[in-house]
Amino acid sequence: MKYGGAARRRPECGVERTMDVLGGRWTTLIVRELLAGARRFSELRRSLVRISPKTLTTRLRDLEERGIVTRTVYAEVPPRVEYQLTPRGEGLGDIIAAMARWGEAPEVEAPVLTASS
């Protein structure tokens, strides 16, 4: 995900800065999966069934560039690569948990507004 210089600016709003990191459709779900611990690429693919390998690779690289994820390559045959959250990435856990609570709460129907209201 290359956004150019505009994405690297530091807006004053913390919500905007957070959304700059988590705003992608799959990014939040990747972080959610990594909150449970280090994962291999294939494990992430299995848990995020509909994500394409290209999209997963792109999102992981972006998260790595932003200091949210670390990528560790083990000198084995075949090579093993693991992704895990950095301390900064782990700090997103409260946000993900709040999103989960909000998403699991029962929906409340909005009142219907009429002309006499």
PDB file of N, CA and C in Angstrom:
ATOM      1  N   MET A   1       0.829  -1.169   0.000  1.00  0.00           N
ATOM      2  CA  MET A   1       0.000   0.000   0.000  1.00  0.00           C
ATOM      3  C   MET A   1       0.878   1.238   0.000  1.00  0.00           C
ATOM      4  N   LYS A   2       1.052   1.843  -1.118  1.00  0.00           N
ATOM      5  CA  LYS A   2       1.872   3.047  -1.219  1.00  0.00           C
ATOM      6  C   LYS A   2       0.947   4.234  -1.401  1.00  0.00           C
ATOM      7  N   TYR A   3       0.982   5.139  -0.448  1.00  0.00           N
ATOM      8  CA  TYR A   3       0.115   6.310  -0.489  1.00  0.00           C
ATOM      9  C   TYR A   3       0.885   7.581  -0.799  1.00  0.00           C
ATOM     10  N   GLY A   4       2.190   7.498  -0.891  1.00  0.00           N
ATOM     11  CA  GLY A   4       2.983   8.692  -1.103  1.00  0.00           C
ATOM     12  C   GLY A   4       3.175   9.461   0.193  1.00  0.00           C
ATOM     13  N   GLY A   5       3.627  10.672   0.080  1.00  0.00           N
ATOM     14  CA  GLY A   5       3.930  11.493   1.250  1.00  0.00           C
ATOM     15  C   GLY A   5       2.722  11.862   2.084  1.00  0.00           C
ATOM     16  N   ALA A   6       1.540  11.900   1.486  1.00  0.00           N
ATOM     17  CA  ALA A   6       0.353  12.316   2.224  1.00  0.00           C
ATOM     18  C   ALA A   6       0.047  11.405   3.401  1.00  0.00           C
ATOM     19  N   ALA A   7       0.310  10.102   3.255  1.00  0.00           N
ATOM     20  CA  ALA A   7       0.010   9.170   4.339  1.00  0.00           C
ATOM     21  C   ALA A   7       1.007   9.284   5.477  1.00  0.00           C
ATOM     22  N   ARG A   8       2.151   9.834   5.211  1.00  0.00           N
ATOM     23  CA  ARG A   8       3.189   9.937   6.244  1.00  0.00           C
ATOM     24  C   ARG A   8       3.051  11.216   7.071  1.00  0.00           C
ATOM     25  N   ARG A   9       2.138  12.101   6.682  1.00  0.00           N
ATOM     26  CA  ARG A   9       1.945  13.307   7.482  1.00  0.00           C
ATOM     27  C   ARG A   9       1.377  12.929   8.835  1.00  0.00           C
ATOM     28  N   ARG A  10       1.527  13.767   9.804  1.00  0.00           N
ATOM     29  CA  ARG A  10       1.079  13.485  11.162  1.00  0.00           C
ATOM     30  C   ARG A  10      -0.115  14.379  11.478  1.00  0.00           C
ATOM     31  N   PRO A  11      -1.316  13.969  11.117  1.00  0.00           N
ATOM     32  CA  PRO A  11      -2.474  14.802  11.434  1.00  0.00           C
ATOM     33  C   PRO A  11      -2.604  14.974  12.944  1.00  0.00           C
ATOM     34  N   GLU A  12      -3.215  16.056  13.322  1.00  0.00           N
ATOM     35  CA  GLU A  12      -3.385  16.368  14.741  1.00  0.00           C
ATOM     36  C   GLU A  12      -4.373  15.430  15.430  1.00  0.00           C
ATOM     37  N   CYS A  13      -5.298  14.880  14.703  1.00  0.00           N
ATOM     38  CA  CYS A  13      -6.335  14.023  15.279  1.00  0.00           C
ATOM     39  C   CYS A  13      -5.813  12.595  15.455  1.00  0.00           C
ATOM     40  N   GLY A  14      -5.831  12.100  16.696  1.00  0.00           N
ATOM     41  CA  GLY A  14      -5.377  10.742  16.981  1.00  0.00           C
ATOM     42  C   GLY A  14      -6.219   9.690  16.288  1.00  0.00           C
ATOM     43  N   VAL A  15      -7.505   9.956  16.141  1.00  0.00           N
ATOM     44  CA  VAL A  15      -8.379   8.995  15.452  1.00  0.00           C
ATOM     45  C   VAL A  15      -7.955   8.888  13.990  1.00  0.00           C
ATOM     46  N   GLU A  16      -7.650  10.017  13.387  1.00  0.00           N
ATOM     47  CA  GLU A  16      -7.217   9.992  11.980  1.00  0.00           C
ATOM     48  C   GLU A  16      -5.891   9.246  11.829  1.00  0.00           C
ATOM     49  N   ARG A  17      -4.960   9.452  12.762  1.00  0.00           N
ATOM     50  CA  ARG A  17      -3.682   8.737  12.704  1.00  0.00           C
ATOM     51  C   ARG A  17      -3.899   7.234  12.863  1.00  0.00           C
ATOM     52  N   THR A  18      -4.818   6.846  13.762  1.00  0.00           N
ATOM     53  CA  THR A  18      -5.103   5.423  13.968  1.00  0.00           C
ATOM     54  C   THR A  18      -5.749   4.825  12.725  1.00  0.00           C
ATOM     55  N   MET A  19      -6.693   5.544  12.139  1.00  0.00           N
ATOM     56  CA  MET A  19      -7.353   5.052  10.935  1.00  0.00           C
ATOM     57  C   MET A  19      -6.393   4.973   9.758  1.00  0.00           C
ATOM     58  N   ASP A  20      -5.358   5.812   9.771  1.00  0.00           N
ATOM     59  CA  ASP A  20      -4.347   5.745   8.728  1.00  0.00           C
ATOM     60  C   ASP A  20      -3.644   4.385   8.764  1.00  0.00           C
ATOM     61  N   VAL A  21      -3.508   3.814   9.967  1.00  0.00           N
ATOM     62  CA  VAL A  21      -2.878   2.499  10.128  1.00  0.00           C
ATOM     63  C   VAL A  21      -3.894   1.387   9.909  1.00  0.00           C
ATOM     64  N   LEU A  22      -5.055   1.486  10.544  1.00  0.00           N
ATOM     65  CA  LEU A  22      -6.039   0.397  10.546  1.00  0.00           C
ATOM     66  C   LEU A  22      -7.118   0.521   9.482  1.00  0.00           C
ATOM     67  N   GLY A  23      -7.061   1.540   8.670  1.00  0.00           N
ATOM     68  CA  GLY A  23      -8.154   1.834   7.755  1.00  0.00           C
ATOM     69  C   GLY A  23      -8.414   0.817   6.664  1.00  0.00           C
ATOM     70  N   GLY A  24      -7.429   0.033   6.274  1.00  0.00           N
ATOM     71  CA  GLY A  24      -7.641  -0.941   5.209  1.00  0.00           C
ATOM     72  C   GLY A  24      -8.568  -2.062   5.643  1.00  0.00           C
ATOM     73  N   ARG A  25      -9.303  -2.606   4.705  1.00  0.00           N
ATOM     74  CA  ARG A  25     -10.292  -3.646   5.025  1.00  0.00           C
ATOM     75  C   ARG A  25      -9.670  -4.816   5.781  1.00  0.00           C
ATOM     76  N   TRP A  26      -8.533  -5.284   5.357  1.00  0.00           N
ATOM     77  CA  TRP A  26      -7.940  -6.473   5.959  1.00  0.00           C
ATOM     78  C   TRP A  26      -6.981  -6.164   7.095  1.00  0.00           C
ATOM     79  N   THR A  27      -6.485  -4.952   7.156  1.00  0.00           N
ATOM     80  CA  THR A  27      -5.448  -4.606   8.125  1.00  0.00           C
ATOM     81  C   THR A  27      -5.885  -4.868   9.553  1.00  0.00           C
ATOM     82  N   THR A  28      -7.074  -4.437   9.913  1.00  0.00           N
ATOM     83  CA  THR A  28      -7.574  -4.636  11.272  1.00  0.00           C
ATOM     84  C   THR A  28      -7.683  -6.123  11.593  1.00  0.00           C
ATOM     85  N   LEU A  29      -8.117  -6.915  10.632  1.00  0.00           N
ATOM     86  CA  LEU A  29      -8.261  -8.356  10.865  1.00  0.00           C
ATOM     87  C   LEU A  29      -6.897  -9.040  10.990  1.00  0.00           C
ATOM     88  N   ILE A  30      -5.910  -8.568  10.273  1.00  0.00           N
ATOM     89  CA  ILE A  30      -4.556  -9.114  10.408  1.00  0.00           C
ATOM     90  C   ILE A  30      -4.031  -8.820  11.811  1.00  0.00           C
ATOM     91  N   VAL A  31      -4.211  -7.593  12.261  1.00  0.00           N
ATOM     92  CA  VAL A  31      -3.774  -7.234  13.619  1.00  0.00           C
ATOM     93  C   VAL A  31      -4.515  -8.086  14.644  1.00  0.00           C
ATOM     94  N   ARG A  32      -5.819  -8.284  14.447  1.00  0.00           N
ATOM     95  CA  ARG A  32      -6.605  -9.130  15.364  1.00  0.00           C
ATOM     96  C   ARG A  32      -5.992 -10.523  15.466  1.00  0.00           C
ATOM     97  N   GLU A  33      -5.620 -11.106  14.340  1.00  0.00           N
ATOM     98  CA  GLU A  33      -5.035 -12.445  14.340  1.00  0.00           C
ATOM     99  C   GLU A  33      -3.682 -12.468  15.047  1.00  0.00           C
ATOM    100  N   LEU A  34      -2.894 -11.436  14.840  1.00  0.00           N
ATOM    101  CA  LEU A  34      -1.557 -11.397  15.436  1.00  0.00           C
ATOM    102  C   LEU A  34      -1.585 -11.072  16.931  1.00  0.00           C
ATOM    103  N   LEU A  35      -2.701 -10.567  17.431  1.00  0.00           N
ATOM    104  CA  LEU A  35      -2.813 -10.320  18.874  1.00  0.00           C
ATOM    105  C   LEU A  35      -2.706 -11.622  19.667  1.00  0.00           C
ATOM    106  N   ALA A  36      -3.009 -12.744  19.030  1.00  0.00           N
ATOM    107  CA  ALA A  36      -2.922 -14.053  19.690  1.00  0.00           C
ATOM    108  C   ALA A  36      -1.488 -14.587  19.717  1.00  0.00           C
ATOM    109  N   GLY A  37      -0.570 -13.930  19.008  1.00  0.00           N
ATOM    110  CA  GLY A  37       0.821 -14.374  18.982  1.00  0.00           C
ATOM    111  C   GLY A  37       1.351 -14.462  17.569  1.00  0.00           C
ATOM    112  N   ALA A  38       2.613 -14.849  17.456  1.00  0.00           N
ATOM    113  CA  ALA A  38       3.274 -14.934  16.158  1.00  0.00           C
ATOM    114  C   ALA A  38       2.543 -15.923  15.244  1.00  0.00           C
ATOM    115  N   ARG A  39       2.480 -15.576  13.977  1.00  0.00           N
ATOM    116  CA  ARG A  39       1.817 -16.423  12.986  1.00  0.00           C
ATOM    117  C   ARG A  39       2.657 -16.484  11.724  1.00  0.00           C
ATOM    118  N   ARG A  40       2.589 -17.634  11.077  1.00  0.00           N
ATOM    119  CA  ARG A  40       3.209 -17.789   9.764  1.00  0.00           C
ATOM    120  C   ARG A  40       2.227 -17.291   8.712  1.00  0.00           C
ATOM    121  N   PHE A  41       2.765 -16.993   7.523  1.00  0.00           N
ATOM    122  CA  PHE A  41       1.945 -16.495   6.423  1.00  0.00           C
ATOM    123  C   PHE A  41       0.788 -17.446   6.150  1.00  0.00           C
ATOM    124  N   SER A  42       1.078 -18.739   6.097  1.00  0.00           N
ATOM    125  CA  SER A  42       0.039 -19.732   5.777  1.00  0.00           C
ATOM    126  C   SER A  42      -1.041 -19.776   6.864  1.00  0.00           C
ATOM    127  N   GLU A  43      -0.668 -19.566   8.113  1.00  0.00           N
ATOM    128  CA  GLU A  43      -1.656 -19.541   9.201  1.00  0.00           C
ATOM    129  C   GLU A  43      -2.582 -18.338   9.060  1.00  0.00           C
ATOM    130  N   LEU A  44      -2.006 -17.203   8.685  1.00  0.00           N
ATOM    131  CA  LEU A  44      -2.835 -16.016   8.465  1.00  0.00           C
ATOM    132  C   LEU A  44      -3.782 -16.236   7.291  1.00  0.00           C
ATOM    133  N   ARG A  45      -3.290 -16.860   6.232  1.00  0.00           N
ATOM    134  CA  ARG A  45      -4.148 -17.146   5.067  1.00  0.00           C
ATOM    135  C   ARG A  45      -5.313 -18.046   5.441  1.00  0.00           C
ATOM    136  N   ARG A  46      -5.045 -19.063   6.280  1.00  0.00           N
ATOM    137  CA  ARG A  46      -6.120 -19.982   6.691  1.00  0.00           C
ATOM    138  C   ARG A  46      -7.154 -19.281   7.561  1.00  0.00           C
ATOM    139  N   SER A  47      -6.723 -18.384   8.420  1.00  0.00           N
ATOM    140  CA  SER A  47      -7.675 -17.727   9.319  1.00  0.00           C
ATOM    141  C   SER A  47      -8.426 -16.587   8.642  1.00  0.00           C
ATOM    142  N   LEU A  48      -7.861 -16.024   7.588  1.00  0.00           N
ATOM    143  CA  LEU A  48      -8.506 -14.952   6.826  1.00  0.00           C
ATOM    144  C   LEU A  48      -8.824 -15.501   5.435  1.00  0.00           C
ATOM    145  N   VAL A  49      -9.811 -16.336   5.377  1.00  0.00           N
ATOM    146  CA  VAL A  49     -10.094 -17.172   4.210  1.00  0.00           C
ATOM    147  C   VAL A  49     -10.191 -16.407   2.896  1.00  0.00           C
ATOM    148  N   ARG A  50     -10.832 -15.263   2.886  1.00  0.00           N
ATOM    149  CA  ARG A  50     -11.096 -14.579   1.618  1.00  0.00           C
ATOM    150  C   ARG A  50      -9.988 -13.615   1.177  1.00  0.00           C
ATOM    151  N   ILE A  51      -8.933 -13.470   1.949  1.00  0.00           N
ATOM    152  CA  ILE A  51      -7.862 -12.545   1.555  1.00  0.00           C
ATOM    153  C   ILE A  51      -6.964 -13.214   0.510  1.00  0.00           C
ATOM    154  N   SER A  52      -6.577 -12.445  -0.489  1.00  0.00           N
ATOM    155  CA  SER A  52      -5.674 -12.993  -1.505  1.00  0.00           C
ATOM    156  C   SER A  52      -4.241 -12.942  -0.974  1.00  0.00           C
ATOM    157  N   PRO A  53      -3.376 -13.828  -1.461  1.00  0.00           N
ATOM    158  CA  PRO A  53      -1.977 -13.788  -1.028  1.00  0.00           C
ATOM    159  C   PRO A  53      -1.317 -12.435  -1.296  1.00  0.00           C
ATOM    160  N   LYS A  54      -1.653 -11.820  -2.427  1.00  0.00           N
ATOM    161  CA  LYS A  54      -1.079 -10.516  -2.781  1.00  0.00           C
ATOM    162  C   LYS A  54      -1.499  -9.451  -1.771  1.00  0.00           C
ATOM    163  N   THR A  55      -2.767  -9.431  -1.409  1.00  0.00           N
ATOM    164  CA  THR A  55      -3.258  -8.447  -0.449  1.00  0.00           C
ATOM    165  C   THR A  55      -2.637  -8.671   0.919  1.00  0.00           C
ATOM    166  N   LEU A  56      -2.550  -9.920   1.343  1.00  0.00           N
ATOM    167  CA  LEU A  56      -1.946 -10.226   2.641  1.00  0.00           C
ATOM    168  C   LEU A  56      -0.488  -9.768   2.659  1.00  0.00           C
ATOM    169  N   THR A  57       0.244 -10.056   1.608  1.00  0.00           N
ATOM    170  CA  THR A  57       1.643  -9.635   1.516  1.00  0.00           C
ATOM    171  C   THR A  57       1.759  -8.114   1.584  1.00  0.00           C
ATOM    172  N   THR A  58       0.922  -7.426   0.831  1.00  0.00           N
ATOM    173  CA  THR A  58       0.952  -5.964   0.796  1.00  0.00           C
ATOM    174  C   THR A  58       0.656  -5.375   2.174  1.00  0.00           C
ATOM    175  N   ARG A  59      -0.389  -5.896   2.836  1.00  0.00           N
ATOM    176  CA  ARG A  59      -0.764  -5.370   4.166  1.00  0.00           C
ATOM    177  C   ARG A  59       0.323  -5.658   5.205  1.00  0.00           C
ATOM    178  N   LEU A  60       0.907  -6.860   5.157  1.00  0.00           N
ATOM    179  CA  LEU A  60       1.971  -7.189   6.114  1.00  0.00           C
ATOM    180  C   LEU A  60       3.189  -6.292   5.898  1.00  0.00           C
ATOM    181  N   ARG A  61       3.543  -6.033   4.654  1.00  0.00           N
ATOM    182  CA  ARG A  61       4.679  -5.139   4.374  1.00  0.00           C
ATOM    183  C   ARG A  61       4.408  -3.726   4.887  1.00  0.00           C
ATOM    184  N   ASP A  62       3.187  -3.245   4.669  1.00  0.00           N
ATOM    185  CA  ASP A  62       2.816  -1.916   5.139  1.00  0.00           C
ATOM    186  C   ASP A  62       2.893  -1.845   6.670  1.00  0.00           C
ATOM    187  N   LEU A  63       2.371  -2.866   7.338  1.00  0.00           N
ATOM    188  CA  LEU A  63       2.422  -2.891   8.799  1.00  0.00           C
ATOM    189  C   LEU A  63       3.859  -2.967   9.303  1.00  0.00           C
ATOM    190  N   GLU A  64       4.698  -3.673   8.578  1.00  0.00           N
ATOM    191  CA  GLU A  64       6.105  -3.761   8.953  1.00  0.00           C
ATOM    192  C   GLU A  64       6.784  -2.393   8.795  1.00  0.00           C
ATOM    193  N   GLU A  65       6.510  -1.706   7.693  1.00  0.00           N
ATOM    194  CA  GLU A  65       7.076  -0.371   7.455  1.00  0.00           C
ATOM    195  C   GLU A  65       6.647   0.621   8.530  1.00  0.00           C
ATOM    196  N   ARG A  66       5.445   0.454   9.048  1.00  0.00           N
ATOM    197  CA  ARG A  66       4.909   1.377  10.060  1.00  0.00           C
ATOM    198  C   ARG A  66       5.338   1.016  11.481  1.00  0.00           C
ATOM    199  N   GLY A  67       6.073  -0.076  11.627  1.00  0.00           N
ATOM    200  CA  GLY A  67       6.534  -0.465  12.953  1.00  0.00           C
ATOM    201  C   GLY A  67       5.487  -1.161  13.792  1.00  0.00           C
ATOM    202  N   ILE A  68       4.468  -1.735  13.147  1.00  0.00           N
ATOM    203  CA  ILE A  68       3.384  -2.434  13.843  1.00  0.00           C
ATOM    204  C   ILE A  68       3.682  -3.928  13.926  1.00  0.00           C
ATOM    205  N   VAL A  69       4.360  -4.456  12.919  1.00  0.00           N
ATOM    206  CA  VAL A  69       4.639  -5.890  12.804  1.00  0.00           C
ATOM    207  C   VAL A  69       6.134  -6.093  12.556  1.00  0.00           C
ATOM    208  N   THR A  70       6.671  -7.180  13.112  1.00  0.00           N
ATOM    209  CA  THR A  70       8.027  -7.588  12.756  1.00  0.00           C
ATOM    210  C   THR A  70       7.943  -8.890  11.966  1.00  0.00           C
ATOM    211  N   ARG A  71       8.868  -9.040  11.049  1.00  0.00           N
ATOM    212  CA  ARG A  71       8.961 -10.235  10.209  1.00  0.00           C
ATOM    213  C   ARG A  71      10.277 -10.914  10.557  1.00  0.00           C
ATOM    214  N   THR A  72      10.191 -12.176  10.979  1.00  0.00           N
ATOM    215  CA  THR A  72      11.394 -12.924  11.339  1.00  0.00           C
ATOM    216  C   THR A  72      11.545 -14.094  10.384  1.00  0.00           C
ATOM    217  N   VAL A  73      12.707 -14.171   9.748  1.00  0.00           N
ATOM    218  CA  VAL A  73      13.009 -15.268   8.831  1.00  0.00           C
ATOM    219  C   VAL A  73      13.969 -16.207   9.545  1.00  0.00           C
ATOM    220  N   TYR A  74      13.595 -17.473   9.643  1.00  0.00           N
ATOM    221  CA  TYR A  74      14.433 -18.484  10.280  1.00  0.00           C
ATOM    222  C   TYR A  74      15.212 -19.242   9.211  1.00  0.00           C
ATOM    223  N   ALA A  75      16.498 -19.450   9.453  1.00  0.00           N
ATOM    224  CA  ALA A  75      17.369 -20.134   8.493  1.00  0.00           C
ATOM    225  C   ALA A  75      17.134 -21.642   8.585  1.00  0.00           C
ATOM    226  N   GLU A  76      16.068 -22.082   7.981  1.00  0.00           N
ATOM    227  CA  GLU A  76      15.695 -23.493   7.953  1.00  0.00           C
ATOM    228  C   GLU A  76      15.393 -23.873   6.511  1.00  0.00           C
ATOM    229  N   VAL A  77      15.303 -25.161   6.272  1.00  0.00           N
ATOM    230  CA  VAL A  77      14.895 -25.642   4.955  1.00  0.00           C
ATOM    231  C   VAL A  77      13.633 -26.459   5.152  1.00  0.00           C
ATOM    232  N   PRO A  78      12.503 -26.058   4.587  1.00  0.00           N
ATOM    233  CA  PRO A  78      12.292 -24.797   3.873  1.00  0.00           C
ATOM    234  C   PRO A  78      12.312 -23.617   4.850  1.00  0.00           C
ATOM    235  N   PRO A  79      12.568 -22.410   4.339  1.00  0.00           N
ATOM    236  CA  PRO A  79      12.628 -21.240   5.214  1.00  0.00           C
ATOM    237  C   PRO A  79      11.294 -21.025   5.921  1.00  0.00           C
ATOM    238  N   ARG A  80      11.387 -20.599   7.165  1.00  0.00           N
ATOM    239  CA  ARG A  80      10.180 -20.306   7.952  1.00  0.00           C
ATOM    240  C   ARG A  80      10.177 -18.820   8.241  1.00  0.00           C
ATOM    241  N   VAL A  81       9.033 -18.181   8.003  1.00  0.00           N
ATOM    242  CA  VAL A  81       8.875 -16.750   8.252  1.00  0.00           C
ATOM    243  C   VAL A  81       7.701 -16.581   9.202  1.00  0.00           C
ATOM    244  N   GLU A  82       7.912 -15.801  10.259  1.00  0.00           N
ATOM    245  CA  GLU A  82       6.841 -15.513  11.212  1.00  0.00           C
ATOM    246  C   GLU A  82       6.645 -14.009  11.325  1.00  0.00           C
ATOM    247  N   TYR A  83       5.393 -13.655  11.550  1.00  0.00           N
ATOM    248  CA  TYR A  83       5.020 -12.257  11.765  1.00  0.00           C
ATOM    249  C   TYR A  83       4.485 -12.136  13.180  1.00  0.00           C
ATOM    250  N   GLN A  84       4.869 -11.049  13.850  1.00  0.00           N
ATOM    251  CA  GLN A  84       4.300 -10.804  15.162  1.00  0.00           C
ATOM    252  C   GLN A  84       4.244  -9.311  15.409  1.00  0.00           C
ATOM    253  N   LEU A  85       3.366  -8.934  16.324  1.00  0.00           N
ATOM    254  CA  LEU A  85       3.193  -7.523  16.629  1.00  0.00           C
ATOM    255  C   LEU A  85       4.368  -6.997  17.441  1.00  0.00           C
ATOM    256  N   THR A  86       4.736  -5.778  17.166  1.00  0.00           N
ATOM    257  CA  THR A  86       5.703  -5.066  17.987  1.00  0.00           C
ATOM    258  C   THR A  86       4.956  -4.547  19.220  1.00  0.00           C
ATOM    259  N   PRO A  87       5.655  -4.023  20.213  1.00  0.00           N
ATOM    260  CA  PRO A  87       4.940  -3.403  21.340  1.00  0.00           C
ATOM    261  C   PRO A  87       3.960  -2.319  20.883  1.00  0.00           C
ATOM    262  N   ARG A  88       4.345  -1.562  19.856  1.00  0.00           N
ATOM    263  CA  ARG A  88       3.427  -0.546  19.320  1.00  0.00           C
ATOM    264  C   ARG A  88       2.181  -1.207  18.734  1.00  0.00           C
ATOM    265  N   GLY A  89       2.364  -2.315  18.024  1.00  0.00           N
ATOM    266  CA  GLY A  89       1.236  -3.047  17.451  1.00  0.00           C
ATOM    267  C   GLY A  89       0.344  -3.645  18.527  1.00  0.00           C
ATOM    268  N   GLU A  90       0.950  -4.152  19.595  1.00  0.00           N
ATOM    269  CA  GLU A  90       0.166  -4.704  20.699  1.00  0.00           C
ATOM    270  C   GLU A  90      -0.701  -3.638  21.345  1.00  0.00           C
ATOM    271  N   GLY A  91      -0.264  -2.389  21.259  1.00  0.00           N
ATOM    272  CA  GLY A  91      -1.059  -1.284  21.794  1.00  0.00           C
ATOM    273  C   GLY A  91      -2.401  -1.119  21.089  1.00  0.00           C
ATOM    274  N   LEU A  92      -2.543  -1.717  19.915  1.00  0.00           N
ATOM    275  CA  LEU A  92      -3.823  -1.659  19.191  1.00  0.00           C
ATOM    276  C   LEU A  92      -4.834  -2.655  19.745  1.00  0.00           C
ATOM    277  N   GLY A  93      -4.410  -3.506  20.672  1.00  0.00           N
ATOM    278  CA  GLY A  93      -5.294  -4.534  21.220  1.00  0.00           C
ATOM    279  C   GLY A  93      -6.543  -3.969  21.862  1.00  0.00           C
ATOM    280  N   ASP A  94      -6.422  -2.881  22.614  1.00  0.00           N
ATOM    281  CA  ASP A  94      -7.599  -2.274  23.254  1.00  0.00           C
ATOM    282  C   ASP A  94      -8.587  -1.757  22.215  1.00  0.00           C
ATOM    283  N   ILE A  95      -8.054  -1.230  21.122  1.00  0.00           N
ATOM    284  CA  ILE A  95      -8.932  -0.724  20.055  1.00  0.00           C
ATOM    285  C   ILE A  95      -9.679  -1.881  19.400  1.00  0.00           C
ATOM    286  N   ILE A  96      -8.978  -2.956  19.109  1.00  0.00           N
ATOM    287  CA  ILE A  96      -9.602  -4.133  18.489  1.00  0.00           C
ATOM    288  C   ILE A  96     -10.642  -4.729  19.436  1.00  0.00           C
ATOM    289  N   ALA A  97     -10.316  -4.790  20.724  1.00  0.00           N
ATOM    290  CA  ALA A  97     -11.267  -5.320  21.707  1.00  0.00           C
ATOM    291  C   ALA A  97     -12.521  -4.442  21.774  1.00  0.00           C
ATOM    292  N   ALA A  98     -12.349  -3.127  21.733  1.00  0.00           N
ATOM    293  CA  ALA A  98     -13.506  -2.219  21.754  1.00  0.00           C
ATOM    294  C   ALA A  98     -14.358  -2.411  20.505  1.00  0.00           C
ATOM    295  N   MET A  99     -13.709  -2.614  19.359  1.00  0.00           N
ATOM    296  CA  MET A  99     -14.454  -2.860  18.122  1.00  0.00           C
ATOM    297  C   MET A  99     -15.243  -4.164  18.222  1.00  0.00           C
ATOM    298  N   ALA A 100     -14.626  -5.190  18.820  1.00  0.00           N
ATOM    299  CA  ALA A 100     -15.308  -6.476  18.973  1.00  0.00           C
ATOM    300  C   ALA A 100     -16.527  -6.329  19.883  1.00  0.00           C
ATOM    301  N   ARG A 101     -16.361  -5.614  21.003  1.00  0.00           N
ATOM    302  CA  ARG A 101     -17.499  -5.409  21.919  1.00  0.00           C
ATOM    303  C   ARG A 101     -18.626  -4.661  21.230  1.00  0.00           C
ATOM    304  N   TRP A 102     -18.278  -3.628  20.484  1.00  0.00           N
ATOM    305  CA  TRP A 102     -19.296  -2.853  19.787  1.00  0.00           C
ATOM    306  C   TRP A 102     -20.013  -3.715  18.756  1.00  0.00           C
ATOM    307  N   GLY A 103     -19.251  -4.512  18.019  1.00  0.00           N
ATOM    308  CA  GLY A 103     -19.832  -5.366  16.982  1.00  0.00           C
ATOM    309  C   GLY A 103     -20.689  -6.493  17.529  1.00  0.00           C
ATOM    310  N   GLU A 104     -20.421  -6.923  18.767  1.00  0.00           N
ATOM    311  CA  GLU A 104     -21.191  -8.011  19.371  1.00  0.00           C
ATOM    312  C   GLU A 104     -22.422  -7.520  20.122  1.00  0.00           C
ATOM    313  N   ALA A 105     -22.503  -6.218  20.370  1.00  0.00           N
ATOM    314  CA  ALA A 105     -23.650  -5.666  21.098  1.00  0.00           C
ATOM    315  C   ALA A 105     -24.899  -5.769  20.223  1.00  0.00           C
ATOM    316  N   PRO A 106     -26.044  -5.998  20.857  1.00  0.00           N
ATOM    317  CA  PRO A 106     -27.278  -6.056  20.066  1.00  0.00           C
ATOM    318  C   PRO A 106     -27.553  -4.704  19.414  1.00  0.00           C
ATOM    319  N   GLU A 107     -28.055  -4.780  18.204  1.00  0.00           N
ATOM    320  CA  GLU A 107     -28.378  -3.535  17.499  1.00  0.00           C
ATOM    321  C   GLU A 107     -29.622  -2.911  18.097  1.00  0.00           C
ATOM    322  N   VAL A 108     -29.576  -1.614  18.233  1.00  0.00           N
ATOM    323  CA  VAL A 108     -30.715  -0.869  18.744  1.00  0.00           C
ATOM    324  C   VAL A 108     -31.334  -0.149  17.558  1.00  0.00           C
ATOM    325  N   GLU A 109     -32.618  -0.322  17.410  1.00  0.00           N
ATOM    326  CA  GLU A 109     -33.278   0.328  16.287  1.00  0.00           C
ATOM    327  C   GLU A 109     -33.340   1.828  16.529  1.00  0.00           C
ATOM    328  N   ALA A 110     -33.001   2.561  15.491  1.00  0.00           N
ATOM    329  CA  ALA A 110     -33.062   4.014  15.575  1.00  0.00           C
ATOM    330  C   ALA A 110     -34.518   4.452  15.515  1.00  0.00           C
ATOM    331  N   PRO A 111     -34.855   5.476  16.292  1.00  0.00           N
ATOM    332  CA  PRO A 111     -36.245   5.952  16.238  1.00  0.00           C
ATOM    333  C   PRO A 111     -36.557   6.530  14.860  1.00  0.00           C
ATOM    334  N   VAL A 112     -37.780   6.344  14.436  1.00  0.00           N
ATOM    335  CA  VAL A 112     -38.213   6.868  13.148  1.00  0.00           C
ATOM    336  C   VAL A 112     -38.664   8.293  13.381  1.00  0.00           C
ATOM    337  N   LEU A 113     -38.074   9.215  12.637  1.00  0.00           N
ATOM    338  CA  LEU A 113     -38.435  10.624  12.769  1.00  0.00           C
ATOM    339  C   LEU A 113     -39.572  10.941  11.813  1.00  0.00           C
ATOM    340  N   THR A 114     -40.556  11.628  12.354  1.00  0.00           N
ATOM    341  CA  THR A 114     -41.692  12.032  11.528  1.00  0.00           C
ATOM    342  C   THR A 114     -41.748  13.556  11.501  1.00  0.00           C
ATOM    343  N   ALA A 115     -42.566  14.099  10.647  1.00  0.00           N
ATOM    344  CA  ALA A 115     -42.691  15.536  10.508  1.00  0.00           C
ATOM    345  C   ALA A 115     -43.189  16.186  11.805  1.00  0.00           C
ATOM    346  N   SER A 116     -43.966  15.464  12.616  1.00  0.00           N
ATOM    347  CA  SER A 116     -44.492  16.029  13.853  1.00  0.00           C
ATOM    348  C   SER A 116     -43.515  15.902  15.019  1.00  0.00           C
ATOM    349  N   SER A 117     -42.375  15.220  14.827  1.00  0.00           N
ATOM    350  CA  SER A 117     -41.391  15.012  15.901  1.00  0.00           C
ATOM    351  C   SER A 117     -40.636  16.262  16.221  1.00  0.00           C
TER     352      SER A 117
END
